[in-house]
Protein backbone atom coordinates (compact mmCIF):
# COMPACT_ATOMS: atom_id res chain seq x y z
CA MET A 1 -97.20 49.50 -29.12
CA SER A 2 -98.16 51.12 -25.84
CA ASP A 3 -97.41 47.93 -23.98
CA TRP A 4 -93.74 47.72 -24.93
CA LYS A 5 -93.25 51.41 -24.49
CA SER A 6 -94.46 51.16 -20.92
CA VAL A 7 -91.99 48.37 -20.31
CA LEU A 8 -89.18 50.47 -21.70
CA ARG A 9 -90.11 53.40 -19.52
CA GLU A 10 -90.01 51.19 -16.46
CA PHE A 11 -86.61 49.86 -17.46
CA LYS A 12 -85.16 53.36 -17.93
CA LYS A 13 -86.25 54.26 -14.43
CA GLU A 14 -84.05 51.52 -13.12
CA LEU A 15 -80.91 52.74 -14.99
CA PRO A 16 -78.64 55.37 -13.25
CA SER A 17 -78.68 58.80 -14.76
CA LYS A 18 -75.71 60.14 -16.68
CA GLN A 19 -74.89 62.49 -13.83
CA GLU A 20 -74.93 59.68 -11.34
CA GLN A 21 -72.56 57.71 -13.57
CA ASN A 22 -70.17 60.63 -13.76
CA ASN A 23 -70.25 61.13 -10.00
CA GLY A 24 -69.66 57.46 -9.37
CA HIS A 25 -72.97 57.12 -7.43
CA LYS A 26 -74.83 53.89 -7.40
CA PRO A 27 -78.62 53.71 -7.76
CA GLU A 28 -80.59 53.54 -4.60
CA ASN A 29 -81.99 50.13 -5.41
CA HIS A 30 -79.08 47.75 -4.91
CA THR A 31 -81.13 44.68 -5.59
CA LYS A 32 -80.47 43.07 -8.94
CA PRO A 33 -83.79 42.76 -10.75
CA LYS A 34 -84.90 39.28 -11.40
CA ALA A 35 -87.17 38.06 -14.11
CA VAL A 36 -89.68 35.28 -13.77
CA VAL A 37 -89.35 33.13 -16.82
CA THR A 38 -91.89 30.49 -17.65
CA GLY A 39 -91.98 28.13 -20.54
CA ASN A 40 -89.48 27.99 -23.32
CA SER A 41 -89.80 31.61 -24.32
CA ARG A 42 -87.37 32.95 -26.84
CA PRO A 43 -85.71 36.31 -26.53
CA ARG A 44 -87.32 39.07 -28.54
CA LYS A 45 -85.55 42.00 -30.17
CA VAL A 46 -86.70 45.36 -28.95
CA GLY A 47 -84.59 47.93 -30.71
CA ASN A 48 -81.09 47.44 -29.34
CA LEU A 49 -82.41 45.47 -26.37
CA GLU A 50 -83.08 41.82 -26.07
CA VAL A 51 -85.99 40.90 -23.81
CA ARG A 52 -86.71 37.43 -22.54
CA GLY A 53 -90.24 36.58 -21.27
CA ARG A 54 -93.85 36.26 -22.32
CA PRO A 55 -95.50 39.02 -24.30
CA VAL A 56 -97.05 41.51 -22.01
CA GLY A 57 -100.67 42.26 -22.51
CA ARG A 58 -103.10 44.58 -20.76
CA GLN A 59 -104.21 42.01 -18.21
CA ALA A 60 -100.72 40.44 -17.69
CA ARG A 61 -98.87 41.07 -14.50
CA HIS A 62 -95.78 43.15 -14.59
CA VAL A 63 -92.67 41.00 -15.15
CA GLU A 64 -89.12 42.18 -14.60
CA PRO A 65 -87.30 41.23 -17.72
CA VAL A 66 -83.86 39.70 -17.94
CA VAL A 67 -82.01 42.17 -20.08
CA LYS A 68 -78.87 41.48 -22.09
CA MET A 69 -77.16 44.52 -23.53
CA THR A 70 -76.03 44.04 -27.09
CA ALA A 71 -74.57 47.53 -27.59
CA LYS A 72 -71.68 49.29 -25.85
CA PRO A 73 -72.79 52.18 -23.67
CA ALA A 74 -71.86 55.59 -25.01
CA HIS A 75 -69.74 56.38 -21.95
CA PRO A 76 -68.37 53.22 -20.23
CA PRO A 77 -67.75 53.60 -16.52
CA ARG A 78 -64.21 54.49 -15.48
CA PRO A 79 -62.23 51.75 -13.80
CA ARG A 80 -61.44 52.30 -10.19
CA GLU A 81 -58.17 53.98 -9.41
CA VAL A 82 -55.71 51.31 -8.37
CA GLN A 83 -52.93 52.44 -6.10
CA ARG A 84 -49.68 51.59 -7.71
CA VAL A 85 -47.34 49.70 -5.40
CA SER A 86 -43.79 49.28 -6.51
CA ASN A 87 -43.00 45.62 -6.79
CA PRO A 88 -40.47 44.49 -4.19
CA PRO A 89 -37.23 43.08 -5.60
CA VAL A 90 -37.52 39.41 -6.40
CA GLN A 91 -35.70 37.40 -3.79
CA LYS A 92 -33.59 34.90 -5.70
CA SER A 93 -33.16 31.53 -4.06
CA PRO A 94 -29.58 30.84 -3.11
CA PRO A 95 -27.93 28.50 -5.61
CA ILE A 96 -27.80 24.89 -4.56
CA PRO A 97 -24.15 24.16 -3.94
CA ALA A 98 -22.73 21.45 -6.16
CA LYS A 99 -21.54 18.32 -4.44
CA VAL A 100 -17.80 18.73 -4.03
CA ALA A 101 -15.78 15.54 -3.70
CA PRO A 102 -13.50 15.50 -0.67
CA PRO A 103 -9.90 16.33 -1.54
CA ARG A 104 -7.93 13.33 -2.67
CA PRO A 105 -5.40 12.32 -0.04
CA ASN A 106 -1.74 12.70 -0.88
CA GLY A 107 0.10 9.64 -2.10
CA ILE A 108 2.66 7.43 -0.42
CA PRO A 109 6.05 9.05 0.32
CA GLU A 110 8.68 7.97 -2.19
CA ARG A 111 11.30 7.01 0.37
CA LEU A 112 11.70 6.25 4.02
CA LEU A 113 12.65 9.20 6.15
CA GLY A 114 14.75 9.23 9.27
CA ALA A 115 13.06 8.34 12.51
CA ARG A 116 10.72 11.14 13.60
CA CYS A 117 10.73 9.95 17.16
CA GLN A 118 14.27 10.59 18.34
CA ASN A 119 13.86 8.78 21.62
CA LEU A 120 16.36 5.96 21.94
CA THR A 121 13.84 3.29 22.79
CA ARG A 122 16.17 0.27 22.57
CA ARG A 123 18.87 1.23 25.04
CA SER A 124 17.80 -1.71 27.20
CA TYR A 125 18.93 -4.09 24.41
CA TYR A 126 22.49 -2.82 24.50
CA MET A 127 25.13 -4.95 26.16
CA THR A 128 28.87 -5.14 26.30
CA PRO A 129 29.79 -8.15 24.13
CA GLU A 130 30.72 -11.33 25.94
CA PRO A 131 34.50 -11.96 26.18
CA TRP A 132 34.34 -14.88 23.75
CA VAL A 133 33.08 -12.56 20.98
CA SER A 134 36.60 -11.20 20.49
CA ALA A 135 37.62 -14.58 19.01
CA GLY A 136 35.65 -13.66 15.90
CA ALA A 137 38.40 -11.30 14.80
CA ARG A 138 40.16 -14.33 13.28
CA THR A 139 38.96 -16.74 10.61
CA GLN A 140 40.17 -20.05 12.09
CA HIS A 141 39.19 -21.78 15.32
CA SER A 142 41.97 -24.23 16.14
CA ALA A 143 43.16 -25.37 12.74
CA VAL A 144 46.15 -27.64 12.35
CA PRO A 145 48.02 -27.28 9.06
CA GLY A 146 47.50 -30.28 6.81
CA ASN A 147 44.26 -31.40 8.46
CA ARG A 148 41.06 -31.83 6.49
CA THR A 149 39.02 -28.83 5.48
CA MET A 150 35.47 -28.01 6.44
CA ASP A 151 33.07 -25.75 4.57
CA ILE A 152 30.95 -23.43 6.70
CA VAL A 153 28.32 -21.36 4.89
CA ILE A 154 27.08 -18.09 6.38
CA GLY A 155 23.62 -17.05 5.23
CA PHE A 156 23.34 -13.28 5.79
CA ASP A 157 19.93 -11.57 5.58
CA PHE A 158 20.60 -7.85 5.92
CA GLY A 159 17.22 -6.26 6.67
CA THR A 160 15.99 -2.70 7.04
CA SER A 161 14.61 -3.41 10.51
CA PHE A 162 16.34 -6.62 11.59
CA THR A 163 19.30 -8.66 10.46
CA LYS A 164 19.12 -12.46 10.55
CA ALA A 165 21.85 -15.04 10.00
CA ALA A 166 22.23 -18.80 9.85
CA VAL A 167 25.17 -21.17 9.47
CA GLY A 168 25.35 -24.27 7.32
CA LEU A 169 27.56 -26.80 9.00
CA LYS A 170 27.85 -30.56 8.48
CA ASP A 171 24.67 -30.82 6.40
CA GLN A 172 22.64 -28.95 9.01
CA ILE A 173 21.41 -25.36 9.23
CA PHE A 174 21.69 -23.49 12.55
CA PRO A 175 20.01 -20.08 13.04
CA VAL A 176 22.36 -17.65 14.77
CA SER A 177 21.21 -16.32 18.16
CA TRP A 178 22.47 -12.98 19.44
CA GLU A 179 22.65 -13.53 23.19
CA GLY A 180 26.41 -12.74 23.31
CA LEU A 181 25.97 -9.38 21.59
CA SER A 182 22.50 -7.99 22.27
CA ALA A 183 19.69 -8.39 24.79
CA THR A 184 17.06 -8.25 22.04
CA PRO A 185 13.95 -10.19 23.15
CA GLU A 186 13.75 -12.06 19.82
CA ARG A 187 16.86 -14.20 20.03
CA HIS A 188 17.20 -14.62 16.25
CA LEU A 189 16.45 -10.97 15.29
CA LEU A 190 19.11 -8.27 15.60
CA PRO A 191 18.09 -4.61 15.09
CA SER A 192 20.03 -3.21 12.13
CA GLU A 193 21.71 -0.26 13.87
CA TYR A 194 24.96 0.68 15.56
CA SER A 195 26.34 3.48 17.72
CA GLU A 196 29.41 5.56 17.01
CA ILE A 197 31.08 6.44 20.32
CA ASN A 198 32.95 9.70 20.90
CA ASP A 199 36.30 7.93 20.43
CA GLY A 200 35.20 6.74 16.98
CA SER A 201 34.63 3.09 17.90
CA CYS A 202 31.38 1.48 16.72
CA HIS A 203 29.18 -0.91 18.67
CA ILE A 204 26.01 -2.85 17.87
CA GLY A 205 22.85 -1.33 19.33
CA GLN A 206 21.99 1.92 21.11
CA ALA A 207 24.85 2.58 23.51
CA PRO A 208 23.84 4.45 26.70
CA THR A 209 26.29 7.31 26.15
CA VAL A 210 25.35 8.27 22.56
CA THR A 211 22.91 10.84 21.27
CA PHE A 212 20.44 10.25 18.48
CA GLU A 213 22.84 11.89 16.02
CA GLN A 214 25.48 9.25 16.83
CA LEU A 215 23.15 6.42 15.90
CA HIS A 216 23.36 4.82 12.42
CA GLN A 217 20.03 3.35 11.23
CA LYS A 218 18.21 2.42 8.00
CA LEU A 219 21.48 1.12 6.64
CA LYS A 220 20.00 -1.13 3.98
CA GLN A 221 17.59 1.39 2.52
CA PRO A 222 20.09 2.94 0.05
CA LEU A 223 20.93 -0.54 -1.24
CA ILE A 224 17.53 -0.78 -2.90
CA ASN A 225 18.77 1.68 -5.52
CA PRO A 226 21.38 0.42 -8.02
CA ALA A 227 22.99 3.87 -7.86
CA VAL A 228 23.88 3.45 -4.19
CA SER A 229 26.85 5.62 -3.24
CA SER A 230 30.18 4.41 -1.87
CA ALA A 231 29.51 6.46 1.28
CA CYS A 232 26.33 4.48 1.99
CA ILE A 233 28.14 1.19 1.35
CA THR A 234 30.92 2.28 3.71
CA GLU A 235 28.45 3.18 6.46
CA ALA A 236 26.64 -0.16 6.10
CA SER A 237 29.91 -2.13 5.96
CA VAL A 238 30.68 -1.19 9.59
CA PHE A 239 27.50 -2.89 10.78
CA VAL A 240 28.01 -5.97 8.58
CA ALA A 241 31.63 -6.28 9.80
CA LEU A 242 30.55 -6.20 13.45
CA VAL A 243 27.97 -8.90 12.75
CA LEU A 244 30.36 -11.11 10.75
CA ARG A 245 32.90 -10.93 13.56
CA TYR A 246 30.22 -12.08 15.99
CA ILE A 247 29.00 -14.91 13.71
CA ARG A 248 32.46 -16.49 13.51
CA ALA A 249 32.86 -16.19 17.28
CA TRP A 250 29.41 -17.76 17.78
CA VAL A 251 30.40 -20.71 15.58
CA TYR A 252 33.57 -21.24 17.63
CA GLN A 253 31.67 -20.91 20.91
CA VAL A 254 28.60 -23.04 20.11
CA HIS A 255 29.85 -25.48 17.46
CA GLY A 256 33.58 -25.64 18.15
CA GLY A 257 33.32 -29.33 18.95
CA LYS A 258 32.05 -30.06 15.43
CA ILE A 259 34.96 -28.18 13.86
CA GLY A 260 37.81 -29.66 15.86
CA THR A 261 41.13 -28.93 14.20
CA SER A 262 39.73 -28.72 10.66
CA GLN A 263 40.74 -25.93 8.36
CA ILE A 264 37.66 -23.77 7.74
CA ARG A 265 36.70 -22.61 4.27
CA TRP A 266 34.12 -19.85 4.71
CA LEU A 267 31.38 -19.22 2.18
CA LEU A 268 29.27 -16.07 2.46
CA ASN A 269 25.88 -15.73 0.77
CA ILE A 270 24.25 -12.31 1.02
CA GLY A 271 20.56 -11.91 0.20
CA ALA A 272 19.43 -9.24 -2.27
CA PRO A 273 15.95 -8.13 -3.37
CA SER A 274 14.17 -10.15 -6.07
CA ASN A 275 15.38 -7.69 -8.72
CA GLY A 276 18.95 -7.79 -7.40
CA LEU A 277 20.26 -9.69 -10.41
CA GLU A 278 18.46 -7.59 -12.99
CA THR A 279 21.09 -4.86 -12.91
CA GLY A 280 24.82 -5.51 -12.67
CA ARG A 281 25.29 -2.32 -10.62
CA LEU A 282 23.14 -3.52 -7.74
CA GLU A 283 24.80 -6.93 -7.66
CA ALA A 284 28.21 -5.22 -7.68
CA ALA A 285 27.16 -3.00 -4.77
CA TYR A 286 26.30 -6.03 -2.64
CA GLN A 287 29.54 -7.70 -3.66
CA LYS A 288 31.48 -4.64 -2.56
CA LEU A 289 29.58 -4.52 0.73
CA GLY A 290 30.36 -8.15 1.55
CA SER A 291 33.99 -7.93 0.56
CA MET A 292 34.60 -4.70 2.51
CA ALA A 293 32.82 -6.00 5.62
CA TRP A 294 34.76 -9.26 5.66
CA ARG A 295 38.12 -7.45 5.54
CA LEU A 296 37.00 -4.92 8.12
CA SER A 297 35.92 -7.66 10.53
CA LEU A 298 39.43 -9.16 10.72
CA GLY A 299 42.20 -8.10 13.09
CA GLU A 300 42.20 -6.85 16.63
CA GLY A 301 40.89 -3.52 17.79
CA ASP A 302 37.71 -1.58 17.34
CA ILE A 303 35.91 -1.21 14.05
CA THR A 304 35.53 2.42 12.99
CA LEU A 305 34.22 4.42 10.06
CA ALA A 306 37.77 5.65 9.42
CA LYS A 307 38.96 2.04 9.01
CA ALA A 308 36.00 1.36 6.72
CA GLN A 309 36.98 4.25 4.46
CA GLU A 310 40.59 2.98 4.40
CA THR A 311 39.36 -0.49 3.51
CA LEU A 312 37.35 0.94 0.61
CA SER A 313 40.39 2.74 -0.78
CA ASN A 314 42.50 -0.47 -0.63
CA LEU A 315 39.76 -2.78 -1.92
CA ASN A 316 41.14 -3.24 -5.42
CA SER A 317 44.70 -3.89 -4.28
CA ASN A 318 43.73 -6.99 -2.30
CA PRO A 319 40.96 -8.77 -4.23
CA SER A 320 40.99 -12.04 -2.20
CA PRO A 321 39.63 -11.71 1.35
CA GLN A 322 41.36 -13.95 3.88
CA ASP A 323 39.85 -17.46 4.12
CA LEU A 324 36.69 -16.39 2.31
CA PHE A 325 36.40 -19.15 -0.24
CA ASP A 326 33.27 -17.83 -1.99
CA LEU A 327 31.05 -14.74 -1.88
CA ASN A 328 27.65 -14.83 -3.61
CA VAL A 329 24.79 -12.36 -3.95
CA LEU A 330 21.57 -14.35 -4.23
CA PRO A 331 17.91 -13.30 -4.54
CA GLU A 332 16.27 -13.64 -1.16
CA PHE A 333 13.15 -15.34 -2.48
CA VAL A 334 15.13 -18.27 -3.92
CA ALA A 335 16.63 -18.82 -0.50
CA GLN A 336 13.22 -18.56 1.12
CA ILE A 337 11.65 -21.30 -0.96
CA ALA A 338 14.61 -23.65 -0.49
CA GLY A 339 12.70 -25.56 2.15
CA TYR A 340 9.61 -25.73 -0.06
CA VAL A 341 11.37 -27.17 -3.11
CA GLN A 342 12.88 -29.89 -0.92
CA SER A 343 9.56 -30.80 0.71
CA ALA A 344 6.61 -33.00 -0.21
CA GLN A 345 4.50 -29.85 -0.76
CA ARG A 346 6.51 -28.91 -3.84
CA ARG A 347 4.53 -28.27 -7.03
CA ARG A 348 5.78 -27.69 -10.54
CA GLY A 349 4.85 -24.51 -12.41
CA LEU A 350 3.92 -20.91 -11.71
CA HIS A 351 4.29 -19.51 -8.18
CA ALA A 352 4.43 -16.12 -6.49
CA LEU A 353 6.24 -14.91 -3.39
CA ILE A 354 5.49 -11.70 -1.49
CA ASP A 355 7.86 -10.65 1.27
CA VAL A 356 6.64 -7.87 3.58
CA GLY A 357 9.72 -6.43 5.23
CA GLY A 358 10.34 -3.41 7.39
CA GLY A 359 11.28 -1.21 4.45
CA THR A 360 10.06 -2.89 1.28
CA LEU A 361 7.38 -5.02 -0.30
CA ASP A 362 9.05 -7.58 -2.54
CA VAL A 363 6.79 -9.28 -5.13
CA VAL A 364 7.93 -11.85 -7.69
CA THR A 365 6.36 -14.46 -9.94
CA PHE A 366 8.54 -17.40 -10.95
CA ILE A 367 8.52 -20.99 -12.17
CA VAL A 368 9.55 -24.00 -10.10
CA HIS A 369 11.24 -26.49 -12.40
CA GLN A 370 13.89 -29.18 -12.29
CA ARG A 371 16.27 -30.41 -14.96
CA GLU A 372 18.76 -33.24 -14.49
CA ASP A 373 18.26 -33.19 -10.70
CA GLU A 374 19.02 -29.46 -10.50
CA ASP A 375 16.38 -26.99 -9.37
CA LEU A 376 15.72 -24.25 -11.91
CA PHE A 377 14.01 -20.93 -11.11
CA PRO A 378 13.17 -18.67 -14.08
CA PHE A 379 12.10 -15.25 -12.82
CA LEU A 380 9.09 -13.80 -14.60
CA VAL A 381 8.19 -10.45 -13.02
CA PRO A 382 10.11 -9.11 -10.01
CA GLU A 383 8.95 -5.87 -8.38
CA ILE A 384 10.14 -4.12 -5.24
CA ARG A 385 8.58 -1.04 -3.67
CA VAL A 386 9.08 0.88 -0.44
CA LEU A 387 5.79 -0.29 1.11
CA GLY A 388 6.98 -2.22 4.17
CA THR A 389 5.85 -1.81 7.76
CA GLN A 390 8.03 1.22 8.44
CA MET A 391 6.40 2.97 5.49
CA LEU A 392 3.00 1.98 6.88
CA ASN A 393 3.75 3.98 10.03
CA GLN A 394 5.40 6.86 8.16
CA ASN A 395 2.44 7.12 5.79
CA ARG A 396 0.07 7.51 8.74
CA LEU A 397 1.72 10.83 9.59
CA VAL A 398 1.29 12.38 6.13
CA ASP A 399 -0.81 15.59 6.43
CA ALA A 400 -1.18 14.99 10.15
CA SER A 401 -0.68 17.67 12.77
CA GLY A 402 -0.89 17.98 16.49
CA TYR A 403 0.50 14.55 17.27
CA ASP A 404 2.99 13.99 20.06
CA VAL A 405 6.34 13.05 18.53
CA ALA A 406 7.50 11.58 21.81
CA GLN A 407 4.56 9.15 21.74
CA LEU A 408 5.26 7.71 18.30
CA PRO A 409 5.66 3.94 18.57
CA ASP A 410 9.02 2.25 18.07
CA GLU A 411 9.49 1.54 14.35
CA LEU A 412 10.78 -1.95 15.11
CA ALA A 413 7.90 -2.83 17.44
CA PRO A 414 4.93 -4.87 16.13
CA VAL A 415 2.62 -2.76 13.97
CA LEU A 416 -0.37 -1.29 15.82
CA GLU A 417 -3.86 -1.42 14.35
CA ALA A 418 -5.29 1.92 13.19
CA GLU A 419 -7.36 2.49 16.33
CA GLU A 420 -4.45 1.73 18.67
CA TYR A 421 -2.03 3.86 16.65
CA ALA A 422 -4.41 6.85 16.61
CA ARG A 423 -4.93 6.62 20.35
CA ALA A 424 -1.21 6.31 21.08
CA CYS A 425 -0.27 9.32 18.91
CA GLY A 426 -3.26 11.54 19.60
CA LEU A 427 -4.48 11.44 15.98
CA PRO A 428 -8.07 11.16 14.69
CA GLU A 429 -8.79 7.52 13.99
CA GLN A 430 -10.42 8.39 10.65
CA HIS A 431 -7.21 10.08 9.50
CA VAL A 432 -5.17 6.97 10.24
CA ARG A 433 -7.70 4.74 8.46
CA THR A 434 -7.71 7.03 5.43
CA ARG A 435 -3.92 6.97 5.21
CA ASP A 436 -3.91 3.18 5.61
CA GLY A 437 -6.38 2.98 2.73
CA VAL A 438 -3.94 4.88 0.51
CA LEU A 439 -1.23 2.35 1.34
CA TRP A 440 -3.50 -0.66 0.76
CA ASP A 441 -4.42 0.81 -2.65
CA ALA A 442 -0.73 1.08 -3.54
CA ILE A 443 -0.15 -2.53 -2.51
CA ARG A 444 -3.10 -3.73 -4.58
CA ASP A 445 -1.83 -1.79 -7.59
CA THR A 446 1.65 -3.31 -7.20
CA VAL A 447 0.47 -6.90 -6.88
CA LYS A 448 -2.11 -6.55 -9.63
CA GLY A 449 0.52 -5.07 -11.94
CA VAL A 450 2.87 -8.02 -11.39
CA PHE A 451 0.11 -10.60 -11.91
CA TYR A 452 -1.25 -8.80 -14.97
CA LYS A 453 2.12 -8.66 -16.70
CA THR A 454 2.77 -12.30 -15.83
CA ARG A 455 -0.55 -13.37 -17.34
CA GLN A 456 -0.38 -11.17 -20.45
CA LYS A 457 3.27 -11.50 -21.41
CA ARG A 458 5.18 -14.04 -19.32
CA TYR A 459 3.15 -17.20 -18.79
CA ARG A 460 -0.20 -17.04 -20.56
CA LEU A 461 -1.18 -20.70 -20.44
CA SER A 462 -0.37 -21.60 -16.86
CA ASP A 463 -2.94 -23.77 -15.08
CA ALA A 464 -2.55 -21.45 -12.10
CA TRP A 465 -4.84 -18.86 -13.75
CA THR A 466 -7.76 -21.27 -13.44
CA GLU A 467 -6.70 -23.33 -10.44
CA GLY A 468 -5.15 -20.63 -8.26
CA ILE A 469 -1.59 -19.37 -7.79
CA PRO A 470 0.43 -20.82 -4.90
CA THR A 471 1.61 -17.63 -3.18
CA PHE A 472 4.06 -17.49 -0.30
CA LEU A 473 3.40 -14.59 2.07
CA THR A 474 6.34 -14.09 4.38
CA GLY A 475 8.39 -11.49 6.23
CA GLY A 476 7.92 -9.52 9.40
CA GLY A 477 4.80 -7.73 8.13
CA SER A 478 3.05 -10.81 6.78
CA LYS A 479 0.80 -10.98 9.85
CA VAL A 480 -0.48 -7.42 9.45
CA ASP A 481 -4.05 -7.98 8.30
CA GLY A 482 -4.16 -5.27 5.63
CA TYR A 483 -1.30 -6.77 3.62
CA GLY A 484 -2.89 -10.20 3.24
CA LYS A 485 -6.32 -8.78 2.36
CA SER A 486 -4.90 -6.36 -0.21
CA ILE A 487 -2.85 -9.09 -1.86
CA LYS A 488 -5.83 -11.43 -2.20
CA VAL A 489 -8.12 -8.74 -3.62
CA ALA A 490 -5.51 -7.71 -6.18
CA GLY A 491 -4.54 -11.19 -7.26
CA GLU A 492 -8.04 -12.59 -7.46
CA SER A 493 -9.03 -9.96 -10.01
CA LEU A 494 -6.83 -11.89 -12.44
CA THR A 495 -6.85 -15.48 -11.24
CA ARG A 496 -9.35 -17.82 -9.66
CA ALA A 497 -7.64 -17.79 -6.28
CA VAL A 498 -4.55 -16.56 -4.50
CA ASN A 499 -3.61 -19.42 -2.22
CA LEU A 500 -1.63 -17.68 0.52
CA MET A 501 0.58 -20.05 2.46
CA PRO A 502 3.54 -19.85 4.82
CA LEU A 503 6.93 -21.24 3.94
CA PRO A 504 7.54 -24.72 5.32
CA LEU A 505 10.51 -25.22 7.64
CA HIS A 506 13.71 -26.17 5.90
CA PRO A 507 14.24 -29.93 6.24
CA ARG A 508 17.84 -29.39 7.40
CA LEU A 509 16.93 -26.87 10.10
CA ALA A 510 18.41 -27.70 13.53
CA ASP A 511 18.35 -26.22 17.05
CA PHE A 512 15.27 -24.11 16.37
CA GLN A 513 12.52 -23.96 18.97
CA GLY A 514 10.26 -21.40 17.30
CA GLY A 515 7.01 -22.01 15.43
CA SER A 516 5.97 -21.43 11.83
CA ASP A 517 5.47 -17.67 12.33
CA ASP A 518 8.95 -17.33 13.83
CA TYR A 519 10.46 -19.25 10.94
CA GLN A 520 9.02 -16.80 8.38
CA ARG A 521 11.31 -14.14 9.86
CA ILE A 522 14.50 -16.19 9.43
CA SER A 523 13.62 -18.19 6.30
CA VAL A 524 15.91 -16.12 4.04
CA ALA A 525 18.95 -16.64 6.26
CA CYS A 526 18.27 -20.37 6.55
CA GLY A 527 17.92 -20.76 2.80
CA LEU A 528 21.14 -18.82 2.21
CA ALA A 529 23.08 -21.06 4.60
CA GLN A 530 23.70 -23.70 1.94
CA ASP A 531 26.00 -23.84 -1.03
CA ALA A 532 24.91 -22.36 -4.34
CA PHE A 533 24.40 -25.78 -5.97
CA SER A 534 21.88 -26.76 -3.29
CA ILE A 535 19.96 -23.53 -3.84
CA GLY A 536 19.55 -24.18 -7.57
CA LYS A 537 20.04 -22.36 -10.85
CA ILE A 538 18.55 -18.89 -11.15
CA VAL A 539 17.44 -17.42 -14.49
CA PRO A 540 16.99 -13.64 -14.11
CA ALA A 541 13.88 -12.10 -15.65
CA LYS A 542 16.05 -10.18 -18.14
CA ASP A 543 17.11 -13.56 -19.61
CA VAL A 544 13.56 -14.91 -19.94
CA GLU A 545 11.85 -13.97 -23.19
CA ASP A 546 8.20 -12.94 -23.28
CA ASP A 547 5.52 -15.54 -23.86
CA VAL A 548 3.87 -14.40 -27.10
CA ALA A 549 1.41 -16.45 -29.16
CA PRO A 550 2.85 -17.28 -32.62
CA ARG A 551 1.24 -15.42 -35.52
CA GLY A 552 -0.54 -17.26 -38.29
CA SER A 553 -0.41 -20.59 -36.49
CA THR A 554 -2.83 -22.52 -34.33
CA VAL A 555 0.02 -24.36 -32.63
CA GLU A 556 0.64 -23.05 -29.13
CA ARG A 557 4.11 -22.67 -27.71
CA PRO A 558 5.47 -25.38 -25.43
CA ASP A 559 4.83 -25.17 -21.72
CA ARG A 560 6.99 -22.53 -20.02
CA ASP A 561 8.44 -25.17 -17.71
CA GLU A 562 9.98 -26.80 -20.77
CA LEU A 563 10.95 -23.60 -22.58
CA TYR A 564 13.34 -22.54 -19.86
CA SER A 565 14.71 -25.89 -18.79
CA HIS A 566 18.19 -24.96 -19.97
């Protein structure tokens, strides 16, 4: 008993007194007591204390026990005062901005605008017509009454940028050159513009005395719309009359020896877009244009807008133009492929033609067929859009600012690549490339739409879908790289291949020194310079029924070449 009591007394000495606890003082001995433990001794209960170690006897050395308190002290020590610090406001991380797509560029303008650059860049082409041009005011060369007659066919390709013409004479086709009327560097291409002088007279080209406001340009553009106004037809008829007067004079001057004293019967074929026969209004507009221009081109004196308006008012009272035996409005693409259908390259079946002009992109799918020695051309899907080379340049200026208007390239000049155009106009190159991309997308959509409709509704079983579609790419813009690439990408999403190829030269072509690229520009005029029978029979798309698989039958319809061979 005395032994454990002595241990307890020693232990109490080590504990701080109650007063020291209240004053927050620590005991003088800061060393934590350690106990020497030997063996596997078990803890022993001593009242409320648990003591680990050997029993302590009289002779045992003093051992500092390891003490574990099993009861809460009566007065637990106070916790230290902690200085309260107001928490600073939590700094919220700035929100991660969402990825915002760049604004979508604006689309292609719906129509061609007037020239933004008002510099008259083609004054150097202007020339006073040669004296022999005045002979074109009459319709006969040196005819003798009662002599044999001779048919002369004028093929007239009225373009937004350039006008081309050819003459069919004695089973040959002669492209018209303009050296007696204009100093244009391309001898077979005449810019489609005329000047109105202060006295009211009109002259081909940019006369040196006129201002920009006296210049008449983009004459064909309104004729894309079937609702073309009489005022637009009147304005265009002045230009066509001046050209027709020159063409007759050129025939007398260059081919007078072939005519001799024969009585001439003139035939005039005017080219229209591929959808020109789909609406009677558009065909009638071209008919009116040709008839007015022929009448206006006759007689002495200057051609004026006032005379054109008078001619329009008297049009119905004199329905037969002098010595004009026939006037036809024909789709340009049929004229273009005239050389192809008469060549060894000709293939039967589905074809496509894409004409890249100055103002428009003309796309058409059609069938090449022949029945009883007559060529037959059923139209399938014609489409025309204002996506030509002039629109390419106009589209590059959409949403642009800071460019130098005076530095804009001539609309009739060859198209510049994006880098060259940006440098010439002072525009960022990326802007020009972005705008070009918008145009290429529109071209792909147009071509794909035509091919898709042809495949789904017009000619489902054509071999061309698996073998490739023969596709003629022609026109002044056909050499611009973006057009060809866009057409192939669009077409080859629906067919195995789009076999782009140029039009072969017409087998009756004469007195032409240009190459294949030059011929693409005049192919329409050359094809039009032959009588309608030689061109073939045209079946407008409106007269071709859809190709629909019969219901409830496993028998397929006959081949489309046979369906429309009537």
